[in-house]
Structures are given as C-alpha cells and as structure tokens.
Protein backbone atom coordinates (compact mmCIF):
# COMPACT_ATOMS: atom_id res chain seq x y z
CA MET A 1 77.71 92.54 -11.75
CA ALA A 2 76.19 90.22 -9.17
CA LEU A 3 78.66 89.07 -6.55
CA GLN A 4 79.02 85.38 -5.69
CA SER A 5 77.29 84.43 -2.44
CA GLU A 6 79.76 84.72 0.40
CA GLN A 7 80.04 82.18 3.17
CA PRO A 8 79.26 83.68 6.59
CA VAL A 9 82.22 83.70 8.98
CA SER A 10 81.84 80.95 11.57
CA GLU A 11 81.61 81.83 15.24
CA PRO A 12 85.00 81.25 16.95
CA PRO A 13 85.15 78.07 19.07
CA ALA A 14 86.03 80.03 22.24
CA ARG A 15 82.89 82.13 21.79
CA VAL A 16 80.78 79.02 21.19
CA ALA A 17 82.15 77.50 24.41
CA ALA A 18 81.44 80.69 26.38
CA ARG A 19 77.92 80.97 24.97
CA LEU A 20 77.16 77.34 25.88
CA ARG A 21 78.86 77.72 29.29
CA LEU A 22 81.30 74.92 28.54
CA SER A 23 84.79 75.10 30.05
CA PHE A 24 87.31 73.57 27.66
CA SER A 25 90.88 73.17 28.88
CA ASN A 26 91.84 72.31 25.29
CA ILE A 27 89.79 74.53 22.99
CA ALA A 28 91.39 72.78 19.98
CA LEU A 29 89.11 69.81 20.70
CA LEU A 30 86.01 71.95 20.26
CA LYS A 31 87.52 73.54 17.16
CA ARG A 32 87.96 70.06 15.66
CA ALA A 33 84.43 69.06 16.69
CA LEU A 34 83.08 72.01 14.70
CA THR A 35 85.14 71.23 11.57
CA HIS A 36 83.15 69.60 8.77
CA ARG A 37 85.07 67.41 6.33
CA SER A 38 84.31 69.83 3.48
CA TYR A 39 86.52 72.41 5.24
CA LEU A 40 89.59 70.22 4.71
CA ASN A 41 89.12 70.32 0.93
CA GLU A 42 89.66 74.08 0.90
CA ASN A 43 92.08 74.27 3.85
CA PRO A 44 94.69 71.52 3.35
CA ASN A 45 96.70 72.67 6.38
CA THR A 46 93.83 71.64 8.66
CA VAL A 47 94.83 68.38 10.33
CA GLU A 48 91.52 66.66 11.02
CA ASP A 49 87.77 67.00 10.66
CA ASN A 50 85.16 66.01 13.25
CA GLU A 51 84.40 62.45 12.10
CA ARG A 52 86.54 60.64 14.69
CA LEU A 53 85.04 62.76 17.47
CA GLU A 54 81.60 62.01 16.04
CA PHE A 55 82.34 58.28 16.39
CA LEU A 56 83.37 58.74 20.03
CA GLY A 57 80.46 61.02 20.84
CA ASP A 58 77.99 58.48 19.46
CA ALA A 59 79.26 55.86 21.92
CA VAL A 60 79.32 58.31 24.84
CA LEU A 61 75.76 59.44 24.09
CA ASP A 62 74.48 55.87 24.02
CA PHE A 63 75.80 55.35 27.55
CA VAL A 64 74.86 58.74 29.02
CA VAL A 65 71.35 58.74 27.55
CA GLY A 66 70.86 55.09 28.50
CA ALA A 67 71.80 55.85 32.10
CA TRP A 68 69.57 58.95 32.12
CA VAL A 69 66.59 56.97 30.80
CA TYR A 70 67.18 54.21 33.35
CA HIS A 71 67.19 56.62 36.30
CA HIS A 72 64.38 58.90 35.11
CA CYS A 73 61.90 56.23 33.99
CA PRO A 74 61.92 53.70 36.86
CA GLU A 75 58.58 52.12 35.90
CA MET A 76 59.46 51.61 32.23
CA ALA A 77 60.06 48.10 30.89
CA GLU A 78 63.31 47.22 29.15
CA GLY A 79 61.86 47.30 25.62
CA ASP A 80 60.40 50.76 26.19
CA LEU A 81 63.69 51.96 27.71
CA THR A 82 65.49 50.82 24.57
CA ARG A 83 63.01 52.60 22.29
CA LEU A 84 63.17 55.79 24.34
CA ARG A 85 66.96 55.82 24.26
CA SER A 86 66.90 55.23 20.50
CA ALA A 87 64.49 58.14 20.02
CA LEU A 88 66.64 60.47 22.12
CA VAL A 89 69.86 59.71 20.22
CA ARG A 90 68.40 59.50 16.71
CA ASN A 91 69.95 61.94 14.27
CA GLU A 92 66.83 64.09 13.92
CA GLN A 93 66.69 64.65 17.67
CA LEU A 94 70.39 65.42 17.94
CA ALA A 95 70.02 67.90 15.07
CA ALA A 96 67.17 69.53 17.00
CA PHE A 97 69.45 69.84 20.04
CA ALA A 98 72.14 71.36 17.81
CA ARG A 99 69.67 73.96 16.51
CA VAL A 100 68.67 74.93 20.06
CA LEU A 101 72.38 75.46 20.80
CA ASP A 102 72.93 77.20 17.44
CA LEU A 103 75.89 74.95 16.66
CA GLY A 104 75.46 75.74 12.99
CA SER A 105 76.89 79.22 13.44
CA GLY A 106 80.12 77.74 14.78
CA LEU A 107 80.64 75.12 12.05
CA ARG A 108 83.72 75.44 9.87
CA MET A 109 82.89 74.12 6.41
CA GLY A 110 83.72 74.50 2.76
CA HIS A 111 82.11 77.27 0.73
CA GLY A 112 79.98 74.90 -1.36
CA GLU A 113 78.64 73.07 1.68
CA ALA A 114 77.85 76.31 3.48
CA VAL A 115 76.03 78.08 0.64
CA SER A 116 74.00 74.93 -0.12
CA GLY A 117 72.49 75.01 3.38
CA GLY A 118 74.91 72.71 5.21
CA ARG A 119 74.68 74.67 8.45
CA ASP A 120 71.04 73.65 8.82
CA ARG A 121 71.19 70.12 7.41
CA ASP A 122 70.09 67.40 9.84
CA GLY A 123 72.95 65.05 8.97
CA VAL A 124 75.58 67.75 9.46
CA LEU A 125 74.08 69.10 12.69
CA GLY A 126 73.50 65.68 14.25
CA ALA A 127 77.09 64.68 13.49
CA ALA A 128 78.42 67.96 14.88
CA PHE A 129 76.45 67.48 18.08
CA GLU A 130 77.95 64.01 18.53
CA ALA A 131 81.41 65.42 17.85
CA VAL A 132 80.96 68.15 20.47
CA VAL A 133 79.94 65.50 23.00
CA GLY A 134 83.03 63.50 22.08
CA ALA A 135 85.24 66.56 22.51
CA LEU A 136 83.64 67.41 25.86
CA TYR A 137 84.18 63.85 27.06
CA LEU A 138 87.88 63.89 26.14
CA ASP A 139 88.40 67.31 27.71
CA SER A 140 86.31 67.12 30.87
CA GLY A 141 85.04 63.56 31.38
CA LEU A 142 81.71 61.80 31.68
CA ASP A 143 80.31 64.01 34.46
CA ALA A 144 80.61 67.08 32.23
CA VAL A 145 78.74 65.31 29.43
CA GLU A 146 75.96 64.30 31.84
CA ARG A 147 75.60 67.90 33.06
CA PHE A 148 75.53 69.13 29.47
CA MET A 149 72.89 66.63 28.37
CA ALA A 150 70.55 66.63 31.38
CA PRO A 151 68.59 69.85 30.67
CA MET A 152 68.14 68.98 27.01
CA LEU A 153 66.89 65.49 27.81
CA ASP A 154 64.54 66.90 30.45
CA SER A 155 63.13 69.36 27.91
CA VAL A 156 62.05 66.69 25.40
CA ARG A 157 61.27 63.69 27.59
CA GLU A 158 57.50 64.09 27.76
CA ARG A 159 57.13 65.05 24.11
CA VAL A 160 59.11 62.03 22.97
CA ILE A 161 57.07 59.65 25.11
CA VAL A 162 53.63 61.20 24.55
CA ARG A 163 54.02 61.45 20.78
CA ALA A 164 55.23 57.84 20.64
CA GLU A 165 58.48 58.83 18.93
CA ILE A 166 60.07 55.96 20.87
CA TYR A 167 58.49 53.60 18.34
CA ASP A 168 60.95 54.34 15.57
CA PRO A 169 61.00 51.93 12.59
CA LYS A 170 64.36 50.30 13.41
CA SER A 171 63.30 49.47 16.96
CA ARG A 172 59.93 48.13 15.84
CA PHE A 173 61.46 45.95 13.13
CA GLN A 174 64.07 44.61 15.54
CA GLU A 175 61.34 43.72 18.06
CA TRP A 176 59.42 41.86 15.36
CA ALA A 177 62.54 40.02 14.17
CA GLN A 178 63.39 38.91 17.68
CA SER A 179 59.80 37.82 18.35
CA GLN A 180 60.07 35.63 15.26
CA LYS A 181 63.47 34.31 16.44
CA LEU A 182 65.14 35.66 13.30
CA GLY A 183 68.00 37.38 15.11
CA THR A 184 69.15 40.99 14.84
CA PRO A 185 68.57 42.90 11.57
CA GLN A 186 71.68 43.78 9.60
CA TYR A 187 71.83 47.12 7.76
CA VAL A 188 74.05 47.01 4.67
CA THR A 189 75.03 50.12 2.72
CA VAL A 190 74.36 49.25 -0.92
CA SER A 191 75.57 52.53 -2.41
CA ALA A 192 76.69 56.05 -1.52
CA ASP A 193 76.42 58.38 -4.52
CA GLY A 194 76.94 62.09 -5.04
CA PRO A 195 79.42 64.75 -3.85
CA ASP A 196 80.49 64.91 -0.20
CA HIS A 197 78.10 67.74 0.60
CA ALA A 198 75.08 65.99 -0.96
CA LYS A 199 75.58 62.25 -0.72
CA VAL A 200 72.62 59.88 -0.98
CA PHE A 201 72.96 56.57 0.83
CA GLU A 202 70.99 53.45 -0.09
CA VAL A 203 70.70 50.83 2.65
CA GLU A 204 69.22 47.33 2.66
CA VAL A 205 67.98 45.64 5.83
CA ARG A 206 68.50 41.88 5.99
CA LEU A 207 67.64 38.98 8.26
CA ARG A 208 69.58 35.77 7.77
CA ASP A 209 70.86 37.08 4.42
CA GLN A 210 67.33 37.74 3.17
CA ALA A 211 66.48 41.32 2.17
CA TYR A 212 63.34 42.73 3.79
CA GLY A 213 63.49 46.36 2.67
CA LYS A 214 65.52 49.17 1.13
CA GLY A 215 65.69 52.85 1.93
CA SER A 216 67.66 55.93 0.95
CA GLY A 217 68.55 59.25 2.52
CA PRO A 218 71.23 61.92 3.07
CA SER A 219 72.80 59.92 5.92
CA LYS A 220 73.20 56.24 6.74
CA HIS A 221 70.98 56.66 9.81
CA ILE A 222 68.10 58.14 7.82
CA ALA A 223 68.50 55.51 5.10
CA GLU A 224 68.42 52.74 7.73
CA GLN A 225 65.20 54.14 9.21
CA ALA A 226 63.68 54.27 5.72
CA ALA A 227 64.74 50.68 5.04
CA ALA A 228 63.17 49.55 8.32
CA GLN A 229 59.95 51.42 7.46
CA THR A 230 59.82 49.62 4.11
CA ALA A 231 60.38 46.28 5.85
CA LEU A 232 57.54 47.02 8.29
CA GLY A 233 55.26 47.67 5.32
CA ALA A 234 56.30 44.38 3.75
CA ILE A 235 55.25 42.47 6.88
CA ASP A 236 52.08 44.58 7.41
CA LEU A 237 53.27 46.28 10.60
CA VAL A 238 53.09 49.91 9.45
C-alpha cells in the first residue's frame, strides 16, 4: 500500500539563525517569523503565525532599502530611486532572497500547504522573508537589519538596474497617473477565493473611482502588478 506523502521536518529556528549568522536574544521571534498560518490549523496550541511580523518587516524594509538606494546611487534621480526601491522590495525579489537563504527549509506549515509546494511558493517565501526582517528588527534593531540586507542588495543591484526591473508596472502606471494629474492609483481587492494555501486574489486599479485595469494572482502584490500591467495596456504604455 502506498504511503501518504510525509511533510519534511522543518529546520529548527536556532539552527536557521546559526546558519544565517544571526544572533537572536529571543529565538521565539524567529520561530514565529517562520510559522505559516496553515500551521495554526493543525497546531491549535500555537499562539501566532508570522503575519504581524510580515507587516512590520514590510515597513522596515521600505526604510532600510530606501536608505540603501539613496546612499549607493548618488547620481540617480528621485523617480529612478523610487523605482529601484520598489524593484528591490517586490515580492518576487524577496522570494529570491529567501531561496538564497534557504528559508523554506525552516518554515513551519500545515501538511497540505507543505506537500502542495508551499515551501517554494513566491508568496509564502516573500512573506516569510519580511517576517524574518520584522523579527530581527524587534530583537536587534535597525543596524542589525541593515547589516543583514547589505550583502543581498549589493549582489542584485547591477542586475536590477541593467535589466530595467526598476520599471515595474505599478511604478510606471503611477508615474503616468501623476503626469496626467490624476492622483495616486488605488488598488482594491475585488475578491479572494480558494483555500488558504491556494488563494487567488483579484484586484482592480482605479483613478478617481474609475477602473483602469484588473489582475489576479496568488498574492495581493502579484495581482496588483497584473492590474497595473492591464492598465498600461489600456493606455498604450506597454
């Protein structure tokens, strides 16, 4: 009789910290950062998943990466600085950082999420990376986050600039909207369907309550980028 696929045991948080050369005074913070919400469904005694730390890490990354871009690209104009920062903190790039660090092996998640490939899903990895940054900030402060991020940002800087990844759809659509004096685009989640481990988000981008495009994807960020890409096509800026 064929045995059901077994979920691989996650790497202990202390080992993850040692491997990444991160000194956590409170290792429980890193443990929480590596806890996907699907884990709570099967382990009701677990207090919290990583979503609050993800929220904090997102804000910390915006500042740290913004400061890094400002200091490392002294000749770059403000609009290009904004696009470069956006490219460096976009979910796909954060997921790439997470893969380099092999964060997936340390993620605690439910059986269904794990066997369906959750450990290598961009949305999961990008969120986990943000959560780890949030945990590091709470434990060791902003300087520790800057030291953690600097080598990774250095490693992708030229590729991001040379390949024009800084011109992501959301940034381009916002530039167009502002040039037309239409204000800042608003991204509205129209629907979020499916189970927790395989949700599909549909997002609409609007300017002054007028819809310009829709997009869908496995995370709000990806759906927003898709909506912006559709809007660019509608105004012939693809």
